Amino acid sequence: MLGSSVELLSQGGFVVSVLGAMSVVALAVILLKSFQFMVNRWSGDAQIEEFIQALQSGDRSKALKSLEAHKDDRAALLSQTLTLADAQSVDLSVVKVESIRLARAAIDKLSGFLRVLEVIATTAPLLGLFGTVLGMIEAFQALEAAGSQVNPSILSGGIWQALLTTAVGLAVAIPVSMVHSWFERRVELRAATLQNDIDRTFLILSATPLMQPAHRAKAA
């Protein structure tokens, strides 16, 4: 069955070859992004709540220590934010701008190569349709060349070969589009999580009196 499928695809011509190359690129990107999301696991809500509770009590040193065991982007953002906020010479508004910049950098890293999947999902069916149009032109040219001795098999054979490129284009685009949407949703959720962490942190920093600055605790 595999051999017949390969033989069938080989009749699709140049367009099917291009679609095949696009599918290989899409698969490589999907594997890369899956590995990235699997490796870059973020701190859970329980760890962040421990940080928030320590921050609410005014114990910034304890809040920083609660993040030390976690090396992911979410914990790093909060740790750097609190370290900057602990510097009394830095205004909180400036710290918040820097925190937002760090959050955007983390999200941009997660969004890398997603545009490639979007382009493939968009262009694959159009490329398949383009191949179908070219195939139909060739089929009707062959029909015209046959003149009065028209053989229906000439037309039908040309049509199914032409439609093959559309089928391949859709076969590439549909799964890639679904996976792209899933990755995009994961990125959106993480962006919302970082924004929520930043908002909660600065709400506490602006309202909670300083009890134990981290830099003083370290100096002691």
C-alpha atoms as a PDB file:
ATOM      1  CA  MET A   1       0.000   0.000   0.000  1.00  0.00           C
ATOM      2  CA  LEU A   2       2.885   2.340   0.781  1.00  0.00           C
ATOM      3  CA  GLY A   3       4.400   1.673  -2.632  1.00  0.00           C
ATOM      4  CA  SER A   4       1.127   2.468  -4.392  1.00  0.00           C
ATOM      5  CA  SER A   5       0.790   5.682  -2.386  1.00  0.00           C
ATOM      6  CA  VAL A   6       4.297   6.781  -3.342  1.00  0.00           C
ATOM      7  CA  GLU A   7       3.574   5.952  -6.975  1.00  0.00           C
ATOM      8  CA  LEU A   8       0.341   7.923  -6.792  1.00  0.00           C
ATOM      9  CA  LEU A   9       2.062  10.962  -5.304  1.00  0.00           C
ATOM     10  CA  SER A  10       4.835  10.781  -7.891  1.00  0.00           C
ATOM     11  CA  GLN A  11       2.226  11.482 -10.555  1.00  0.00           C
ATOM     12  CA  GLY A  12       1.448  14.814  -8.940  1.00  0.00           C
ATOM     13  CA  GLY A  13       4.528  16.411 -10.451  1.00  0.00           C
ATOM     14  CA  PHE A  14       6.494  19.380  -9.189  1.00  0.00           C
ATOM     15  CA  VAL A  15       3.697  20.816  -7.043  1.00  0.00           C
ATOM     16  CA  VAL A  16       3.373  17.633  -4.981  1.00  0.00           C
ATOM     17  CA  SER A  17       7.151  17.613  -4.514  1.00  0.00           C
ATOM     18  CA  VAL A  18       7.000  21.155  -3.125  1.00  0.00           C
ATOM     19  CA  LEU A  19       4.113  20.207  -0.839  1.00  0.00           C
ATOM     20  CA  GLY A  20       6.119  17.216   0.346  1.00  0.00           C
ATOM     21  CA  ALA A  21       9.039  19.480   1.228  1.00  0.00           C
ATOM     22  CA  MET A  22       6.661  21.813   3.081  1.00  0.00           C
ATOM     23  CA  SER A  23       5.295  18.889   5.084  1.00  0.00           C
ATOM     24  CA  VAL A  24       8.827  17.897   6.112  1.00  0.00           C
ATOM     25  CA  VAL A  25       9.550  21.459   7.266  1.00  0.00           C
ATOM     26  CA  ALA A  26       6.250  21.570   9.166  1.00  0.00           C
ATOM     27  CA  LEU A  27       7.005  18.264  10.885  1.00  0.00           C
ATOM     28  CA  ALA A  28      10.451  19.503  11.922  1.00  0.00           C
ATOM     29  CA  VAL A  29       8.976  22.700  13.397  1.00  0.00           C
ATOM     30  CA  ILE A  30       6.247  20.759  15.223  1.00  0.00           C
ATOM     31  CA  LEU A  31       8.807  18.424  16.801  1.00  0.00           C
ATOM     32  CA  LEU A  32      11.001  21.391  17.759  1.00  0.00           C
ATOM     33  CA  LYS A  33       8.147  23.319  19.376  1.00  0.00           C
ATOM     34  CA  SER A  34       6.857  20.218  21.164  1.00  0.00           C
ATOM     35  CA  PHE A  35      10.310  19.641  22.629  1.00  0.00           C
ATOM     36  CA  GLN A  36      10.564  23.314  23.612  1.00  0.00           C
ATOM     37  CA  PHE A  37       7.244  23.283  25.472  1.00  0.00           C
ATOM     38  CA  MET A  38       8.089  19.960  27.107  1.00  0.00           C
ATOM     39  CA  VAL A  39      11.491  21.137  28.359  1.00  0.00           C
ATOM     40  CA  ASN A  40      10.456  24.673  29.302  1.00  0.00           C
ATOM     41  CA  ARG A  41       7.928  23.709  31.956  1.00  0.00           C
ATOM     42  CA  TRP A  42       6.849  26.647  34.067  1.00  0.00           C
ATOM     43  CA  SER A  43       6.459  26.828  37.813  1.00  0.00           C
ATOM     44  CA  GLY A  44       3.039  25.739  38.968  1.00  0.00           C
ATOM     45  CA  ASP A  45       0.464  27.969  40.606  1.00  0.00           C
ATOM     46  CA  ALA A  46       1.315  26.483  44.019  1.00  0.00           C
ATOM     47  CA  GLN A  47       4.909  27.742  43.813  1.00  0.00           C
ATOM     48  CA  ILE A  48       3.785  31.159  42.634  1.00  0.00           C
ATOM     49  CA  GLU A  49       1.211  31.385  45.434  1.00  0.00           C
ATOM     50  CA  GLU A  50       4.006  30.742  47.931  1.00  0.00           C
ATOM     51  CA  PHE A  51       5.877  33.673  46.403  1.00  0.00           C
ATOM     52  CA  ILE A  52       2.770  35.881  46.502  1.00  0.00           C
ATOM     53  CA  GLN A  53       1.997  35.044  50.139  1.00  0.00           C
ATOM     54  CA  ALA A  54       5.557  35.838  51.216  1.00  0.00           C
ATOM     55  CA  LEU A  55       5.381  39.083  49.277  1.00  0.00           C
ATOM     56  CA  GLN A  56       2.057  40.015  50.884  1.00  0.00           C
ATOM     57  CA  SER A  57       3.584  39.520  54.315  1.00  0.00           C
ATOM     58  CA  GLY A  58       6.351  41.948  53.353  1.00  0.00           C
ATOM     59  CA  ASP A  59       9.089  39.292  53.545  1.00  0.00           C
ATOM     60  CA  ARG A  60      10.827  39.800  50.207  1.00  0.00           C
ATOM     61  CA  SER A  61      13.755  37.592  51.200  1.00  0.00           C
ATOM     62  CA  LYS A  62      11.418  34.632  51.713  1.00  0.00           C
ATOM     63  CA  ALA A  63       9.656  35.462  48.467  1.00  0.00           C
ATOM     64  CA  LEU A  64      12.948  35.300  46.556  1.00  0.00           C
ATOM     65  CA  LYS A  65      13.949  32.045  48.246  1.00  0.00           C
ATOM     66  CA  SER A  66      10.666  30.453  47.176  1.00  0.00           C
ATOM     67  CA  LEU A  67      11.743  30.940  43.554  1.00  0.00           C
ATOM     68  CA  GLU A  68      15.340  29.748  43.874  1.00  0.00           C
ATOM     69  CA  ALA A  69      14.531  26.105  43.110  1.00  0.00           C
ATOM     70  CA  HIS A  70      12.774  27.047  39.862  1.00  0.00           C
ATOM     71  CA  LYS A  71      14.811  28.084  36.821  1.00  0.00           C
ATOM     72  CA  ASP A  72      11.995  28.570  34.325  1.00  0.00           C
ATOM     73  CA  ASP A  73      11.013  31.844  32.655  1.00  0.00           C
ATOM     74  CA  ARG A  74       8.030  32.444  34.940  1.00  0.00           C
ATOM     75  CA  ALA A  75      10.087  32.208  38.132  1.00  0.00           C
ATOM     76  CA  ALA A  76      12.987  34.135  36.577  1.00  0.00           C
ATOM     77  CA  LEU A  77      10.677  37.012  35.646  1.00  0.00           C
ATOM     78  CA  LEU A  78       9.313  37.350  39.171  1.00  0.00           C
ATOM     79  CA  SER A  79      12.762  36.977  40.711  1.00  0.00           C
ATOM     80  CA  GLN A  80      14.266  39.694  38.504  1.00  0.00           C
ATOM     81  CA  THR A  81      11.255  41.925  39.101  1.00  0.00           C
ATOM     82  CA  LEU A  82      11.570  41.669  42.867  1.00  0.00           C
ATOM     83  CA  THR A  83      15.340  42.164  42.733  1.00  0.00           C
ATOM     84  CA  LEU A  84      14.890  45.375  40.741  1.00  0.00           C
ATOM     85  CA  ALA A  85      12.066  46.556  42.991  1.00  0.00           C
ATOM     86  CA  ASP A  86      14.256  45.962  46.036  1.00  0.00           C
ATOM     87  CA  ALA A  87      16.727  48.547  44.744  1.00  0.00           C
ATOM     88  CA  GLN A  88      15.412  51.690  46.426  1.00  0.00           C
ATOM     89  CA  SER A  89      16.907  53.940  43.747  1.00  0.00           C
ATOM     90  CA  VAL A  90      14.644  52.426  41.068  1.00  0.00           C
ATOM     91  CA  ASP A  91      11.075  53.657  40.670  1.00  0.00           C
ATOM     92  CA  LEU A  92       8.366  50.978  40.559  1.00  0.00           C
ATOM     93  CA  SER A  93       7.053  52.293  37.240  1.00  0.00           C
ATOM     94  CA  VAL A  94      10.481  51.726  35.692  1.00  0.00           C
ATOM     95  CA  VAL A  95      10.624  48.239  37.181  1.00  0.00           C
ATOM     96  CA  LYS A  96       7.220  47.421  35.706  1.00  0.00           C
ATOM     97  CA  VAL A  97       8.327  48.526  32.241  1.00  0.00           C
ATOM     98  CA  GLU A  98      11.363  46.244  32.517  1.00  0.00           C
ATOM     99  CA  SER A  99       9.189  43.368  33.752  1.00  0.00           C
ATOM    100  CA  ILE A 100       6.886  43.736  30.769  1.00  0.00           C
ATOM    101  CA  ARG A 101       9.916  43.751  28.464  1.00  0.00           C
ATOM    102  CA  LEU A 102      11.192  40.522  30.028  1.00  0.00           C
ATOM    103  CA  ALA A 103       7.747  38.945  29.697  1.00  0.00           C
ATOM    104  CA  ARG A 104       7.564  39.865  26.021  1.00  0.00           C
ATOM    105  CA  ALA A 105      11.018  38.380  25.452  1.00  0.00           C
ATOM    106  CA  ALA A 106       9.906  35.110  27.056  1.00  0.00           C
ATOM    107  CA  ILE A 107       6.755  34.995  24.928  1.00  0.00           C
ATOM    108  CA  ASP A 108       8.689  35.855  21.759  1.00  0.00           C
ATOM    109  CA  LYS A 109      10.956  32.893  22.457  1.00  0.00           C
ATOM    110  CA  LEU A 110       7.942  30.594  22.719  1.00  0.00           C
ATOM    111  CA  SER A 111       6.422  32.075  19.551  1.00  0.00           C
ATOM    112  CA  GLY A 112       9.510  31.351  17.465  1.00  0.00           C
ATOM    113  CA  PHE A 113       8.850  29.442  14.214  1.00  0.00           C
ATOM    114  CA  LEU A 114       5.072  29.518  14.694  1.00  0.00           C
ATOM    115  CA  ARG A 115       4.850  31.867  11.727  1.00  0.00           C
ATOM    116  CA  VAL A 116       6.395  29.098   9.596  1.00  0.00           C
ATOM    117  CA  LEU A 117       3.504  26.782  10.472  1.00  0.00           C
ATOM    118  CA  GLU A 118       1.014  29.564   9.760  1.00  0.00           C
ATOM    119  CA  VAL A 119       2.500  30.199   6.319  1.00  0.00           C
ATOM    120  CA  ILE A 120       2.491  26.489   5.449  1.00  0.00           C
ATOM    121  CA  ALA A 121      -1.107  26.059   6.624  1.00  0.00           C
ATOM    122  CA  THR A 122      -2.156  29.047   4.501  1.00  0.00           C
ATOM    123  CA  THR A 123      -0.195  28.409   1.323  1.00  0.00           C
ATOM    124  CA  ALA A 124      -0.425  24.596   1.058  1.00  0.00           C
ATOM    125  CA  PRO A 125      -4.067  24.488  -0.129  1.00  0.00           C
ATOM    126  CA  LEU A 126      -3.464  27.423  -2.484  1.00  0.00           C
ATOM    127  CA  LEU A 127      -0.445  25.665  -3.937  1.00  0.00           C
ATOM    128  CA  GLY A 128      -2.512  22.504  -4.320  1.00  0.00           C
ATOM    129  CA  LEU A 129      -5.215  24.467  -6.128  1.00  0.00           C
ATOM    130  CA  PHE A 130      -2.559  26.003  -8.368  1.00  0.00           C
ATOM    131  CA  GLY A 131      -1.369  22.507  -9.268  1.00  0.00           C
ATOM    132  CA  THR A 132      -4.945  21.500 -10.042  1.00  0.00           C
ATOM    133  CA  VAL A 133      -5.390  24.450 -12.402  1.00  0.00           C
ATOM    134  CA  LEU A 134      -2.168  23.560 -14.212  1.00  0.00           C
ATOM    135  CA  GLY A 135      -3.264  19.928 -14.438  1.00  0.00           C
ATOM    136  CA  MET A 136      -6.649  20.879 -15.873  1.00  0.00           C
ATOM    137  CA  ILE A 137      -4.962  23.043 -18.484  1.00  0.00           C
ATOM    138  CA  GLU A 138      -2.777  20.109 -19.521  1.00  0.00           C
ATOM    139  CA  ALA A 139      -5.803  17.788 -19.617  1.00  0.00           C
ATOM    140  CA  PHE A 140      -7.764  20.075 -21.933  1.00  0.00           C
ATOM    141  CA  GLN A 141      -4.708  20.633 -24.103  1.00  0.00           C
ATOM    142  CA  ALA A 142      -4.422  16.853 -24.506  1.00  0.00           C
ATOM    143  CA  LEU A 143      -8.137  16.700 -25.297  1.00  0.00           C
ATOM    144  CA  GLU A 144      -7.749  19.392 -27.944  1.00  0.00           C
ATOM    145  CA  ALA A 145      -4.758  17.615 -29.475  1.00  0.00           C
ATOM    146  CA  ALA A 146      -6.794  14.412 -29.800  1.00  0.00           C
ATOM    147  CA  GLY A 147      -9.142  16.192 -32.193  1.00  0.00           C
ATOM    148  CA  SER A 148     -12.071  14.105 -33.396  1.00  0.00           C
ATOM    149  CA  GLN A 149     -10.622  10.928 -31.884  1.00  0.00           C
ATOM    150  CA  VAL A 150     -11.533  11.907 -28.330  1.00  0.00           C
ATOM    151  CA  ASN A 151     -10.896   9.271 -25.681  1.00  0.00           C
ATOM    152  CA  PRO A 152     -12.744   9.950 -22.406  1.00  0.00           C
ATOM    153  CA  SER A 153      -9.910   8.305 -20.491  1.00  0.00           C
ATOM    154  CA  ILE A 154      -7.579  11.099 -21.608  1.00  0.00           C
ATOM    155  CA  LEU A 155      -9.759  13.707 -19.933  1.00  0.00           C
ATOM    156  CA  SER A 156     -10.612  11.671 -16.833  1.00  0.00           C
ATOM    157  CA  GLY A 157      -6.981  10.667 -16.301  1.00  0.00           C
ATOM    158  CA  GLY A 158      -5.842  14.266 -16.530  1.00  0.00           C
ATOM    159  CA  ILE A 159      -8.556  15.450 -14.149  1.00  0.00           C
ATOM    160  CA  TRP A 160      -7.769  13.009 -11.331  1.00  0.00           C
ATOM    161  CA  GLN A 161      -4.077  13.763 -11.601  1.00  0.00           C
ATOM    162  CA  ALA A 162      -4.901  17.462 -11.397  1.00  0.00           C
ATOM    163  CA  LEU A 163      -7.154  17.002  -8.364  1.00  0.00           C
ATOM    164  CA  LEU A 164      -4.404  15.029  -6.645  1.00  0.00           C
ATOM    165  CA  THR A 165      -2.460  18.215  -5.895  1.00  0.00           C
ATOM    166  CA  THR A 166      -5.476  19.781  -4.174  1.00  0.00           C
ATOM    167  CA  ALA A 167      -5.915  16.674  -2.035  1.00  0.00           C
ATOM    168  CA  VAL A 168      -2.244  16.708  -1.043  1.00  0.00           C
ATOM    169  CA  GLY A 169      -2.383  20.429  -0.287  1.00  0.00           C
ATOM    170  CA  LEU A 170      -5.351  19.941   2.036  1.00  0.00           C
ATOM    171  CA  ALA A 171      -3.717  16.895   3.636  1.00  0.00           C
ATOM    172  CA  VAL A 172      -0.734  19.075   4.528  1.00  0.00           C
ATOM    173  CA  ALA A 173      -2.678  22.186   5.555  1.00  0.00           C
ATOM    174  CA  ILE A 174      -5.355  20.699   7.823  1.00  0.00           C
ATOM    175  CA  PRO A 175      -3.127  19.021  10.459  1.00  0.00           C
ATOM    176  CA  VAL A 176      -0.585  21.854  10.348  1.00  0.00           C
ATOM    177  CA  SER A 177      -3.359  24.400  10.924  1.00  0.00           C
ATOM    178  CA  MET A 178      -4.700  22.424  13.888  1.00  0.00           C
ATOM    179  CA  VAL A 179      -1.278  22.063  15.508  1.00  0.00           C
ATOM    180  CA  HIS A 180      -0.493  25.735  14.886  1.00  0.00           C
ATOM    181  CA  SER A 181      -3.724  26.763  16.621  1.00  0.00           C
ATOM    182  CA  TRP A 182      -2.864  24.547  19.593  1.00  0.00           C
ATOM    183  CA  PHE A 183       0.636  26.007  19.913  1.00  0.00           C
ATOM    184  CA  GLU A 184      -0.730  29.525  19.530  1.00  0.00           C
ATOM    185  CA  ARG A 185      -3.247  28.913  22.301  1.00  0.00           C
ATOM    186  CA  ARG A 186      -0.468  27.642  24.585  1.00  0.00           C
ATOM    187  CA  VAL A 187       1.504  30.828  23.951  1.00  0.00           C
ATOM    188  CA  GLU A 188      -1.556  33.003  24.621  1.00  0.00           C
ATOM    189  CA  LEU A 189      -2.185  31.238  27.930  1.00  0.00           C
ATOM    190  CA  ARG A 190       1.407  31.721  29.020  1.00  0.00           C
ATOM    191  CA  ALA A 191       1.306  35.382  28.026  1.00  0.00           C
ATOM    192  CA  ALA A 192      -1.847  35.847  30.097  1.00  0.00           C
ATOM    193  CA  THR A 193      -0.188  34.037  33.004  1.00  0.00           C
ATOM    194  CA  LEU A 194       2.835  36.340  32.941  1.00  0.00           C
ATOM    195  CA  GLN A 195       0.631  39.420  32.712  1.00  0.00           C
ATOM    196  CA  ASN A 196      -1.386  38.221  35.698  1.00  0.00           C
ATOM    197  CA  ASP A 197       1.809  37.536  37.680  1.00  0.00           C
ATOM    198  CA  ILE A 198       3.122  41.024  36.916  1.00  0.00           C
ATOM    199  CA  ASP A 199      -0.164  42.707  37.858  1.00  0.00           C
ATOM    200  CA  ARG A 200      -0.439  40.832  41.154  1.00  0.00           C
ATOM    201  CA  THR A 201       3.197  41.459  42.043  1.00  0.00           C
ATOM    202  CA  PHE A 202       3.051  45.211  41.467  1.00  0.00           C
ATOM    203  CA  LEU A 203      -0.301  45.512  43.204  1.00  0.00           C
ATOM    204  CA  ILE A 204       1.316  44.023  46.306  1.00  0.00           C
ATOM    205  CA  LEU A 205       4.546  46.007  45.944  1.00  0.00           C
ATOM    206  CA  SER A 206       2.651  49.276  45.764  1.00  0.00           C
ATOM    207  CA  ALA A 207       0.353  48.463  48.696  1.00  0.00           C
ATOM    208  CA  THR A 208       2.408  46.353  51.117  1.00  0.00           C
ATOM    209  CA  PRO A 209       4.824  48.055  53.510  1.00  0.00           C
ATOM    210  CA  LEU A 210       8.414  46.906  53.343  1.00  0.00           C
ATOM    211  CA  MET A 211       9.252  44.598  56.273  1.00  0.00           C
ATOM    212  CA  GLN A 212      12.328  42.668  55.224  1.00  0.00           C
ATOM    213  CA  PRO A 213      14.093  43.746  52.036  1.00  0.00           C
ATOM    214  CA  ALA A 214      15.973  40.955  50.324  1.00  0.00           C
ATOM    215  CA  HIS A 215      19.185  42.952  49.986  1.00  0.00           C
ATOM    216  CA  ARG A 216      19.236  43.734  53.714  1.00  0.00           C
ATOM    217  CA  ALA A 217      18.672  40.107  54.625  1.00  0.00           C
ATOM    218  CA  LYS A 218      21.593  39.072  52.434  1.00  0.00           C
ATOM    219  CA  ALA A 219      23.799  41.766  53.923  1.00  0.00           C
ATOM    220  CA  ALA A 220      23.012  40.515  57.402  1.00  0.00           C
END
